[in-house]
Amino acid sequence: MNAFVFLVALLAALPYFARSQTVGFSCSPENTCSGMEVCVSFSCTCSAGYHDTDGDRTCDECATGKYKSSTGTGACTNCEKGKIAATIGLSTCSDCSPGTYASTVGLSTCTSCSPGTVTASSGSSSCTSCLAGTYDAANGGGSNCDNCLAAK
């Protein structure tokens, strides 16, 4: 009878272990599962770009605007100013391109500079106004201010 109870418990646990082997999970070498094997001492952590903050042993992708650079069960982090995470499940944030900026943390898109303002470098958190005697030739989204032409 004990073998029967063990077999029933084992079969009931299979969906849990199969579910735990989803995208985003990585098992430590001593607890690796493959196919329909059952891991008795199942100790998996989430891959970079995934998190398990509710303790249900399933990993969810980091939301847009967030990232997680290392494995583990910790939470995803907001991208800092000047950087974005445009898609889910990222392990790093991307710099905003010259001519664009991200003024707050946790953004998924960069904003183009307004006409008359520019950002010369990538990863900017704000735009700079063109100085007197210069202008934004791109009329918004520019990376440099050009000198005005002298009147003839």
N, C-alpha and C. Protein backbone atom coordinates (compact mmCIF):
# COMPACT_ATOMS: atom_id res chain seq x y z
N MET A 1 0.81 -1.19 0.00
CA MET A 1 0.00 0.00 0.00
C MET A 1 0.85 1.26 0.00
N ASN A 2 1.99 1.25 0.71
CA ASN A 2 2.86 2.42 0.74
C ASN A 2 3.37 2.77 -0.64
N ALA A 3 3.72 1.77 -1.46
CA ALA A 3 4.21 2.02 -2.82
C ALA A 3 3.11 2.66 -3.66
N PHE A 4 1.86 2.23 -3.46
CA PHE A 4 0.76 2.81 -4.20
C PHE A 4 0.57 4.28 -3.83
N VAL A 5 0.61 4.61 -2.55
CA VAL A 5 0.45 5.99 -2.08
C VAL A 5 1.59 6.85 -2.64
N PHE A 6 2.81 6.31 -2.62
CA PHE A 6 3.95 7.05 -3.17
C PHE A 6 3.77 7.32 -4.65
N LEU A 7 3.29 6.32 -5.40
CA LEU A 7 3.09 6.48 -6.84
C LEU A 7 2.02 7.53 -7.13
N VAL A 8 0.93 7.52 -6.39
CA VAL A 8 -0.12 8.51 -6.57
C VAL A 8 0.42 9.91 -6.27
N ALA A 9 1.18 10.06 -5.20
CA ALA A 9 1.76 11.36 -4.85
C ALA A 9 2.75 11.82 -5.91
N LEU A 10 3.50 10.88 -6.42
CA LEU A 10 4.48 11.20 -7.46
C LEU A 10 3.78 11.67 -8.73
N LEU A 11 2.72 10.98 -9.14
CA LEU A 11 1.97 11.38 -10.33
C LEU A 11 1.29 12.73 -10.13
N ALA A 12 0.82 13.00 -8.94
CA ALA A 12 0.18 14.29 -8.66
C ALA A 12 1.19 15.43 -8.72
N ALA A 13 2.44 15.14 -8.41
CA ALA A 13 3.47 16.18 -8.40
C ALA A 13 4.02 16.48 -9.78
N LEU A 14 3.85 15.60 -10.73
CA LEU A 14 4.43 15.81 -12.07
C LEU A 14 4.02 17.11 -12.72
N PRO A 15 2.76 17.51 -12.68
CA PRO A 15 2.42 18.79 -13.31
C PRO A 15 3.17 19.97 -12.69
N TYR A 16 3.40 19.92 -11.38
CA TYR A 16 4.13 21.02 -10.73
C TYR A 16 5.56 21.09 -11.26
N PHE A 17 6.22 19.93 -11.33
CA PHE A 17 7.60 19.94 -11.78
C PHE A 17 7.69 20.28 -13.26
N ALA A 18 6.75 19.85 -14.05
CA ALA A 18 6.76 20.20 -15.47
C ALA A 18 6.52 21.71 -15.62
N ARG A 19 5.63 22.27 -14.82
CA ARG A 19 5.34 23.70 -14.88
C ARG A 19 6.56 24.50 -14.44
N SER A 20 7.29 23.99 -13.47
CA SER A 20 8.45 24.71 -12.97
C SER A 20 9.60 24.75 -13.97
N GLN A 21 9.58 23.86 -14.93
CA GLN A 21 10.63 23.85 -15.95
C GLN A 21 10.19 24.70 -17.14
N THR A 22 9.75 25.91 -16.89
CA THR A 22 9.29 26.80 -17.94
C THR A 22 10.37 27.79 -18.30
N VAL A 23 10.15 28.55 -19.34
CA VAL A 23 11.09 29.57 -19.76
C VAL A 23 11.40 30.48 -18.59
N GLY A 24 12.66 30.80 -18.40
CA GLY A 24 13.04 31.69 -17.33
C GLY A 24 13.61 30.99 -16.12
N PHE A 25 13.37 29.69 -15.97
CA PHE A 25 13.91 28.95 -14.84
C PHE A 25 15.26 28.36 -15.19
N SER A 26 16.18 28.38 -14.26
CA SER A 26 17.42 27.63 -14.41
C SER A 26 17.66 26.90 -13.10
N CYS A 27 17.91 25.59 -13.19
CA CYS A 27 18.13 24.79 -11.99
C CYS A 27 19.61 24.70 -11.69
N SER A 28 19.95 24.59 -10.42
CA SER A 28 21.34 24.36 -10.06
C SER A 28 21.73 22.97 -10.56
N PRO A 29 23.03 22.73 -10.86
CA PRO A 29 23.46 21.46 -11.46
C PRO A 29 23.02 20.23 -10.68
N GLU A 30 23.01 20.30 -9.36
CA GLU A 30 22.63 19.10 -8.60
C GLU A 30 21.13 18.85 -8.62
N ASN A 31 20.34 19.79 -9.14
CA ASN A 31 18.89 19.62 -9.17
C ASN A 31 18.32 19.79 -10.58
N THR A 32 19.08 19.44 -11.58
CA THR A 32 18.64 19.61 -12.95
C THR A 32 17.60 18.56 -13.32
N CYS A 33 16.55 18.99 -13.96
CA CYS A 33 15.50 18.09 -14.44
C CYS A 33 15.50 18.12 -15.96
N SER A 34 15.21 16.99 -16.57
CA SER A 34 15.03 16.96 -18.02
C SER A 34 13.90 16.01 -18.33
N GLY A 35 13.12 16.36 -19.33
CA GLY A 35 11.99 15.52 -19.70
C GLY A 35 11.00 15.39 -18.57
N MET A 36 10.62 14.17 -18.25
CA MET A 36 9.62 13.93 -17.21
C MET A 36 10.25 13.49 -15.89
N GLU A 37 11.56 13.72 -15.68
CA GLU A 37 12.18 13.36 -14.42
C GLU A 37 11.55 14.18 -13.30
N VAL A 38 11.58 13.64 -12.12
CA VAL A 38 11.05 14.35 -10.95
C VAL A 38 12.23 14.80 -10.10
N CYS A 39 12.27 16.07 -9.78
CA CYS A 39 13.31 16.59 -8.90
C CYS A 39 12.77 16.59 -7.49
N VAL A 40 13.36 15.79 -6.64
CA VAL A 40 12.89 15.71 -5.26
C VAL A 40 13.30 16.97 -4.51
N SER A 41 14.57 17.38 -4.66
CA SER A 41 15.01 18.61 -3.98
C SER A 41 15.10 19.70 -5.03
N PHE A 42 13.95 20.16 -5.45
CA PHE A 42 13.85 21.13 -6.54
C PHE A 42 14.22 22.51 -6.03
N SER A 43 15.28 23.08 -6.56
CA SER A 43 15.76 24.37 -6.10
C SER A 43 16.15 25.20 -7.31
N CYS A 44 15.18 25.80 -7.95
CA CYS A 44 15.44 26.56 -9.15
C CYS A 44 15.34 28.05 -8.87
N THR A 45 16.04 28.81 -9.68
CA THR A 45 15.99 30.27 -9.58
C THR A 45 15.63 30.83 -10.95
N CYS A 46 15.18 32.05 -10.97
CA CYS A 46 14.79 32.68 -12.22
C CYS A 46 16.03 33.18 -12.97
N SER A 47 15.98 33.08 -14.26
CA SER A 47 17.06 33.58 -15.11
C SER A 47 17.01 35.11 -15.14
N ALA A 48 18.08 35.71 -15.63
CA ALA A 48 18.11 37.16 -15.81
C ALA A 48 16.94 37.57 -16.70
N GLY A 49 16.28 38.67 -16.39
CA GLY A 49 15.12 39.13 -17.14
C GLY A 49 13.81 38.58 -16.64
N TYR A 50 13.85 37.70 -15.63
CA TYR A 50 12.66 37.06 -15.05
C TYR A 50 12.68 37.20 -13.54
N HIS A 51 11.51 37.17 -12.92
CA HIS A 51 11.42 37.27 -11.47
C HIS A 51 10.31 36.41 -10.92
N ASP A 52 10.46 36.04 -9.65
CA ASP A 52 9.44 35.30 -8.91
C ASP A 52 9.30 35.99 -7.57
N THR A 53 8.49 37.01 -7.53
CA THR A 53 8.35 37.78 -6.29
C THR A 53 7.20 37.28 -5.42
N ASP A 54 6.31 36.43 -5.97
CA ASP A 54 5.20 35.97 -5.15
C ASP A 54 5.44 34.58 -4.57
N GLY A 55 6.62 33.99 -4.84
CA GLY A 55 6.98 32.71 -4.24
C GLY A 55 6.25 31.51 -4.79
N ASP A 56 5.62 31.62 -5.95
CA ASP A 56 4.89 30.47 -6.49
C ASP A 56 5.77 29.57 -7.36
N ARG A 57 7.08 29.84 -7.40
CA ARG A 57 8.07 29.05 -8.13
C ARG A 57 7.83 29.07 -9.64
N THR A 58 7.20 30.12 -10.13
CA THR A 58 7.12 30.34 -11.57
C THR A 58 7.76 31.70 -11.84
N CYS A 59 8.46 31.78 -12.93
CA CYS A 59 9.16 33.01 -13.26
C CYS A 59 8.37 33.79 -14.30
N ASP A 60 8.20 35.07 -14.03
CA ASP A 60 7.51 35.96 -14.95
C ASP A 60 8.52 36.92 -15.54
N GLU A 61 8.28 37.34 -16.79
CA GLU A 61 9.17 38.29 -17.43
C GLU A 61 9.12 39.63 -16.71
N CYS A 62 10.25 40.32 -16.69
CA CYS A 62 10.24 41.70 -16.20
C CYS A 62 9.37 42.51 -17.15
N ALA A 63 8.60 43.43 -16.61
CA ALA A 63 7.73 44.28 -17.42
C ALA A 63 8.56 45.28 -18.23
N THR A 64 7.94 45.90 -19.22
CA THR A 64 8.63 46.96 -19.94
C THR A 64 9.03 48.05 -18.95
N GLY A 65 10.17 48.67 -19.19
CA GLY A 65 10.66 49.69 -18.28
C GLY A 65 11.47 49.13 -17.11
N LYS A 66 11.55 47.79 -17.02
CA LYS A 66 12.26 47.13 -15.93
C LYS A 66 13.21 46.08 -16.48
N TYR A 67 14.18 45.70 -15.65
CA TYR A 67 15.15 44.68 -16.03
C TYR A 67 15.63 43.94 -14.79
N LYS A 68 16.27 42.79 -15.00
CA LYS A 68 16.94 42.06 -13.93
C LYS A 68 18.18 41.43 -14.55
N SER A 69 19.35 41.83 -14.09
CA SER A 69 20.60 41.44 -14.75
C SER A 69 21.17 40.11 -14.26
N SER A 70 20.68 39.57 -13.17
CA SER A 70 21.26 38.34 -12.64
C SER A 70 20.19 37.29 -12.38
N THR A 71 20.64 36.06 -12.18
CA THR A 71 19.71 34.99 -11.81
C THR A 71 19.33 35.16 -10.35
N GLY A 72 18.21 34.59 -9.97
CA GLY A 72 17.73 34.67 -8.60
C GLY A 72 16.25 34.96 -8.57
N THR A 73 15.69 35.01 -7.39
CA THR A 73 14.26 35.21 -7.26
C THR A 73 13.90 36.66 -6.96
N GLY A 74 14.87 37.55 -6.93
CA GLY A 74 14.63 38.95 -6.62
C GLY A 74 13.76 39.64 -7.65
N ALA A 75 13.38 40.85 -7.31
CA ALA A 75 12.49 41.65 -8.15
C ALA A 75 13.24 42.30 -9.31
N CYS A 76 12.49 42.70 -10.31
CA CYS A 76 13.03 43.46 -11.43
C CYS A 76 13.23 44.91 -10.96
N THR A 77 14.15 45.61 -11.61
CA THR A 77 14.50 46.98 -11.23
C THR A 77 14.09 47.93 -12.35
N ASN A 78 13.61 49.11 -11.98
CA ASN A 78 13.29 50.14 -12.97
C ASN A 78 14.56 50.56 -13.70
N CYS A 79 14.44 50.79 -15.00
CA CYS A 79 15.56 51.38 -15.75
C CYS A 79 15.77 52.79 -15.22
N GLU A 80 17.02 53.21 -15.16
CA GLU A 80 17.32 54.54 -14.65
C GLU A 80 17.01 55.60 -15.70
N LYS A 81 17.06 56.85 -15.30
CA LYS A 81 16.82 57.96 -16.23
C LYS A 81 17.81 57.86 -17.39
N GLY A 82 17.33 58.14 -18.60
CA GLY A 82 18.17 58.08 -19.79
C GLY A 82 18.23 56.71 -20.43
N LYS A 83 17.59 55.71 -19.81
CA LYS A 83 17.60 54.34 -20.32
C LYS A 83 16.17 53.80 -20.37
N ILE A 84 15.96 52.81 -21.24
CA ILE A 84 14.62 52.21 -21.38
C ILE A 84 14.73 50.70 -21.51
N ALA A 85 13.62 50.02 -21.26
CA ALA A 85 13.44 48.60 -21.56
C ALA A 85 12.16 48.53 -22.39
N ALA A 86 12.32 48.44 -23.70
CA ALA A 86 11.18 48.53 -24.62
C ALA A 86 10.34 47.26 -24.68
N THR A 87 10.92 46.12 -24.31
CA THR A 87 10.19 44.86 -24.36
C THR A 87 10.26 44.17 -23.00
N ILE A 88 9.50 43.11 -22.83
CA ILE A 88 9.49 42.37 -21.57
C ILE A 88 10.66 41.40 -21.50
N GLY A 89 11.04 41.00 -20.30
CA GLY A 89 12.04 39.96 -20.11
C GLY A 89 13.47 40.36 -20.39
N LEU A 90 13.82 41.63 -20.18
CA LEU A 90 15.17 42.09 -20.49
C LEU A 90 16.10 41.99 -19.29
N SER A 91 17.38 41.75 -19.58
CA SER A 91 18.40 41.69 -18.53
C SER A 91 19.20 42.99 -18.45
N THR A 92 19.02 43.88 -19.39
CA THR A 92 19.68 45.19 -19.37
C THR A 92 18.74 46.23 -19.97
N CYS A 93 19.02 47.48 -19.66
CA CYS A 93 18.27 48.59 -20.27
C CYS A 93 19.13 49.19 -21.37
N SER A 94 18.49 49.82 -22.34
CA SER A 94 19.19 50.46 -23.46
C SER A 94 19.22 51.96 -23.27
N ASP A 95 20.33 52.58 -23.68
CA ASP A 95 20.43 54.04 -23.65
C ASP A 95 19.49 54.66 -24.67
N CYS A 96 18.92 55.79 -24.34
CA CYS A 96 18.19 56.57 -25.34
C CYS A 96 19.21 57.10 -26.35
N SER A 97 18.83 57.15 -27.60
CA SER A 97 19.72 57.64 -28.67
C SER A 97 19.87 59.15 -28.58
N PRO A 98 20.95 59.69 -29.16
CA PRO A 98 21.08 61.15 -29.23
C PRO A 98 19.82 61.75 -29.88
N GLY A 99 19.36 62.87 -29.35
CA GLY A 99 18.13 63.49 -29.84
C GLY A 99 16.89 63.03 -29.11
N THR A 100 17.06 62.05 -28.20
CA THR A 100 15.94 61.56 -27.40
C THR A 100 16.36 61.49 -25.93
N TYR A 101 15.37 61.34 -25.03
CA TYR A 101 15.68 61.30 -23.60
C TYR A 101 14.62 60.50 -22.86
N ALA A 102 14.97 60.09 -21.63
CA ALA A 102 14.02 59.46 -20.71
C ALA A 102 14.18 60.20 -19.38
N SER A 103 13.19 60.99 -19.03
CA SER A 103 13.32 61.91 -17.88
C SER A 103 13.02 61.27 -16.53
N THR A 104 12.38 60.10 -16.54
CA THR A 104 12.08 59.43 -15.27
C THR A 104 12.52 57.98 -15.34
N VAL A 105 12.50 57.30 -14.23
CA VAL A 105 12.88 55.89 -14.18
C VAL A 105 11.72 55.02 -14.66
N GLY A 106 12.04 53.82 -15.14
CA GLY A 106 11.01 52.83 -15.48
C GLY A 106 10.29 53.07 -16.79
N LEU A 107 10.92 53.71 -17.76
CA LEU A 107 10.25 53.99 -19.03
C LEU A 107 10.52 52.91 -20.06
N SER A 108 9.60 52.78 -21.03
CA SER A 108 9.76 51.81 -22.11
C SER A 108 10.03 52.48 -23.45
N THR A 109 9.90 53.79 -23.52
CA THR A 109 10.21 54.52 -24.76
C THR A 109 10.93 55.82 -24.41
N CYS A 110 11.79 56.23 -25.34
CA CYS A 110 12.46 57.52 -25.21
C CYS A 110 11.60 58.58 -25.90
N THR A 111 11.70 59.81 -25.46
CA THR A 111 10.95 60.93 -26.02
C THR A 111 11.88 61.78 -26.86
N SER A 112 11.43 62.20 -28.04
CA SER A 112 12.23 63.09 -28.88
C SER A 112 12.30 64.47 -28.26
N CYS A 113 13.44 65.10 -28.40
CA CYS A 113 13.60 66.47 -27.92
C CYS A 113 12.67 67.39 -28.69
N SER A 114 12.17 68.41 -28.04
CA SER A 114 11.31 69.41 -28.68
C SER A 114 12.14 70.27 -29.63
N PRO A 115 11.50 70.88 -30.62
CA PRO A 115 12.23 71.79 -31.50
C PRO A 115 12.98 72.86 -30.68
N GLY A 116 14.22 73.10 -31.05
CA GLY A 116 15.05 74.08 -30.34
C GLY A 116 15.84 73.50 -29.19
N THR A 117 15.66 72.19 -28.94
CA THR A 117 16.42 71.52 -27.88
C THR A 117 17.07 70.27 -28.46
N VAL A 118 18.18 69.83 -27.87
CA VAL A 118 18.94 68.69 -28.39
C VAL A 118 19.55 67.88 -27.24
N THR A 119 19.97 66.67 -27.55
CA THR A 119 20.85 65.88 -26.68
C THR A 119 21.97 65.37 -27.57
N ALA A 120 23.19 65.68 -27.21
CA ALA A 120 24.34 65.31 -28.04
C ALA A 120 24.81 63.88 -27.78
N SER A 121 24.49 63.32 -26.64
CA SER A 121 24.99 61.98 -26.32
C SER A 121 23.83 61.02 -26.05
N SER A 122 24.14 59.74 -26.06
CA SER A 122 23.12 58.74 -25.73
C SER A 122 22.98 58.65 -24.21
N GLY A 123 21.85 58.16 -23.77
CA GLY A 123 21.60 58.00 -22.35
C GLY A 123 21.23 59.28 -21.63
N SER A 124 20.64 60.23 -22.34
CA SER A 124 20.29 61.52 -21.72
C SER A 124 18.95 61.44 -20.99
N SER A 125 18.87 62.23 -19.91
CA SER A 125 17.62 62.31 -19.15
C SER A 125 16.90 63.64 -19.38
N SER A 126 17.49 64.51 -20.19
CA SER A 126 16.83 65.78 -20.53
C SER A 126 17.48 66.34 -21.79
N CYS A 127 16.85 67.33 -22.38
CA CYS A 127 17.38 68.00 -23.56
C CYS A 127 17.89 69.38 -23.16
N THR A 128 18.78 69.90 -23.95
CA THR A 128 19.37 71.22 -23.69
C THR A 128 18.92 72.18 -24.78
N SER A 129 18.58 73.39 -24.39
CA SER A 129 18.17 74.41 -25.36
C SER A 129 19.38 74.86 -26.18
N CYS A 130 19.13 75.13 -27.45
CA CYS A 130 20.18 75.69 -28.30
C CYS A 130 20.49 77.11 -27.83
N LEU A 131 21.75 77.48 -27.88
CA LEU A 131 22.18 78.82 -27.46
C LEU A 131 21.78 79.86 -28.50
N ALA A 132 21.80 81.13 -28.09
CA ALA A 132 21.51 82.23 -29.02
C ALA A 132 22.49 82.14 -30.19
N GLY A 133 21.99 82.34 -31.40
CA GLY A 133 22.82 82.26 -32.60
C GLY A 133 22.94 80.85 -33.16
N THR A 134 22.25 79.88 -32.53
CA THR A 134 22.24 78.49 -33.03
C THR A 134 20.80 78.02 -33.13
N TYR A 135 20.61 76.93 -33.84
CA TYR A 135 19.26 76.36 -33.99
C TYR A 135 19.35 74.85 -34.16
N ASP A 136 18.23 74.22 -33.98
CA ASP A 136 18.10 72.77 -34.13
C ASP A 136 17.65 72.49 -35.56
N ALA A 137 18.57 72.11 -36.42
CA ALA A 137 18.26 71.87 -37.83
C ALA A 137 17.25 70.74 -38.01
N ALA A 138 17.23 69.81 -37.08
CA ALA A 138 16.29 68.69 -37.17
C ALA A 138 14.87 69.10 -36.78
N ASN A 139 14.73 70.29 -36.18
CA ASN A 139 13.44 70.78 -35.72
C ASN A 139 12.79 69.80 -34.74
N GLY A 140 13.57 69.33 -33.80
CA GLY A 140 13.09 68.36 -32.81
C GLY A 140 13.77 67.03 -33.03
N GLY A 141 14.27 66.42 -31.95
CA GLY A 141 14.94 65.13 -32.05
C GLY A 141 16.37 65.24 -32.55
N GLY A 142 16.92 66.44 -32.51
CA GLY A 142 18.29 66.64 -32.99
C GLY A 142 19.33 66.31 -31.95
N SER A 143 20.57 66.12 -32.44
CA SER A 143 21.66 65.81 -31.53
C SER A 143 22.67 66.94 -31.42
N ASN A 144 22.51 68.01 -32.20
CA ASN A 144 23.39 69.16 -32.07
C ASN A 144 22.71 70.41 -32.61
N CYS A 145 23.20 71.55 -32.14
CA CYS A 145 22.69 72.84 -32.60
C CYS A 145 23.67 73.39 -33.65
N ASP A 146 23.14 73.87 -34.74
CA ASP A 146 23.97 74.44 -35.81
C ASP A 146 23.97 75.94 -35.69
N ASN A 147 25.07 76.54 -36.16
CA ASN A 147 25.16 78.01 -36.17
C ASN A 147 24.21 78.59 -37.19
N CYS A 148 23.58 79.70 -36.82
CA CYS A 148 22.73 80.40 -37.76
C CYS A 148 23.60 81.03 -38.85
N LEU A 149 23.05 81.11 -40.04
CA LEU A 149 23.79 81.75 -41.14
C LEU A 149 23.71 83.26 -40.99
N ALA A 150 24.80 83.94 -41.31
CA ALA A 150 24.81 85.40 -41.22
C ALA A 150 23.91 85.98 -42.31
N ALA A 151 23.18 87.03 -41.96
CA ALA A 151 22.30 87.70 -42.93
C ALA A 151 23.15 88.39 -44.00
N LYS A 152 22.69 88.34 -45.23
CA LYS A 152 23.43 88.97 -46.34
C LYS A 152 22.86 90.32 -46.64
